[in-house]
Amino acid sequence: MKTIGLLGGMSWESSAEYYRVVNEEVRQKLGGLHSAKCVLFSVDFEEIEYLQRQDKWTEAGHLLAEAGRALEKAGAELIVLCTNTMHKVIEELEKGVTVPVIHIANATAQKVQSENLATVGLLGTKYTMEMEFYKSRLIKNGLAVLIPEEADRNQINQIIFEELCLGRIRQPSKEYYQAVINKLVEDGAEGIILGCTEIGLLIKPEDSPVPIFDTAEIHAKAAVEIALEEK
């Protein structure tokens, strides 16, 4: 079993889910008392979020590359960046390490395709929904991508940063997300990608009329698949 490097803290609420999923997945696959071999580097999200707001993505990338090198020195044989938004600077992280970095959008696209779906709705931070770094990966993998209208994007983003990243799960916010999901389905979405690792804390499969793709869970399980491959 390879050692998984978890680069988390963005936010730690969802990073805790990564830790849970990788361990549950290893136990399910290997049985007995097996658990995942993993190391975690958790950043201070306040620093990262400030750089996001200031459009200082290069500086943020340098911070993540430094964290990635620390993971590699600690024994990580592959790395998962436990966030969707910061995949905007994944190239900087990849340049900073010699071990593979598993891309969350690629893993998610493969999962969607395994369900034979072609058009998906994308929920996430404004950065993820509006910038091309994430959508372009999905499109390159053969998917058509729908995003909410601007007012909904703003509200979705606000709920992520002011509630979910702080561990606040509110029924009105769930209902708002469900309304946005229903709009996307009306526009042709066959599935919904929870393109922020915190959204899965709020929205569950039963909250949507079409399949839900929880990127944190998909990403963590993809890491386990690679970790358990024969060397």
Foldseek 3Di string as FASTA:
>chain_A
DAEEEEEEPLPVLLVVVLQVLQQVLQCVVPPDPDGHRYDYDHDPNVVVVVCVVVVVLVVSLVVLLVSLVVRVVVRHQEYEHQWQLNLVNVVSNPVSDDHYYDHLLLLLLVVCVVVVFAEEEEADACSCQPPVSRVVSNVVSRHHYDYFDDVLNVVSNCCVVVAQSVVHADPVVLVSVLVRLVVVVVVPHQEYEHRTQSCCVHDDQVSYPHHYGRSSSSRSSVSSVVRPDDD
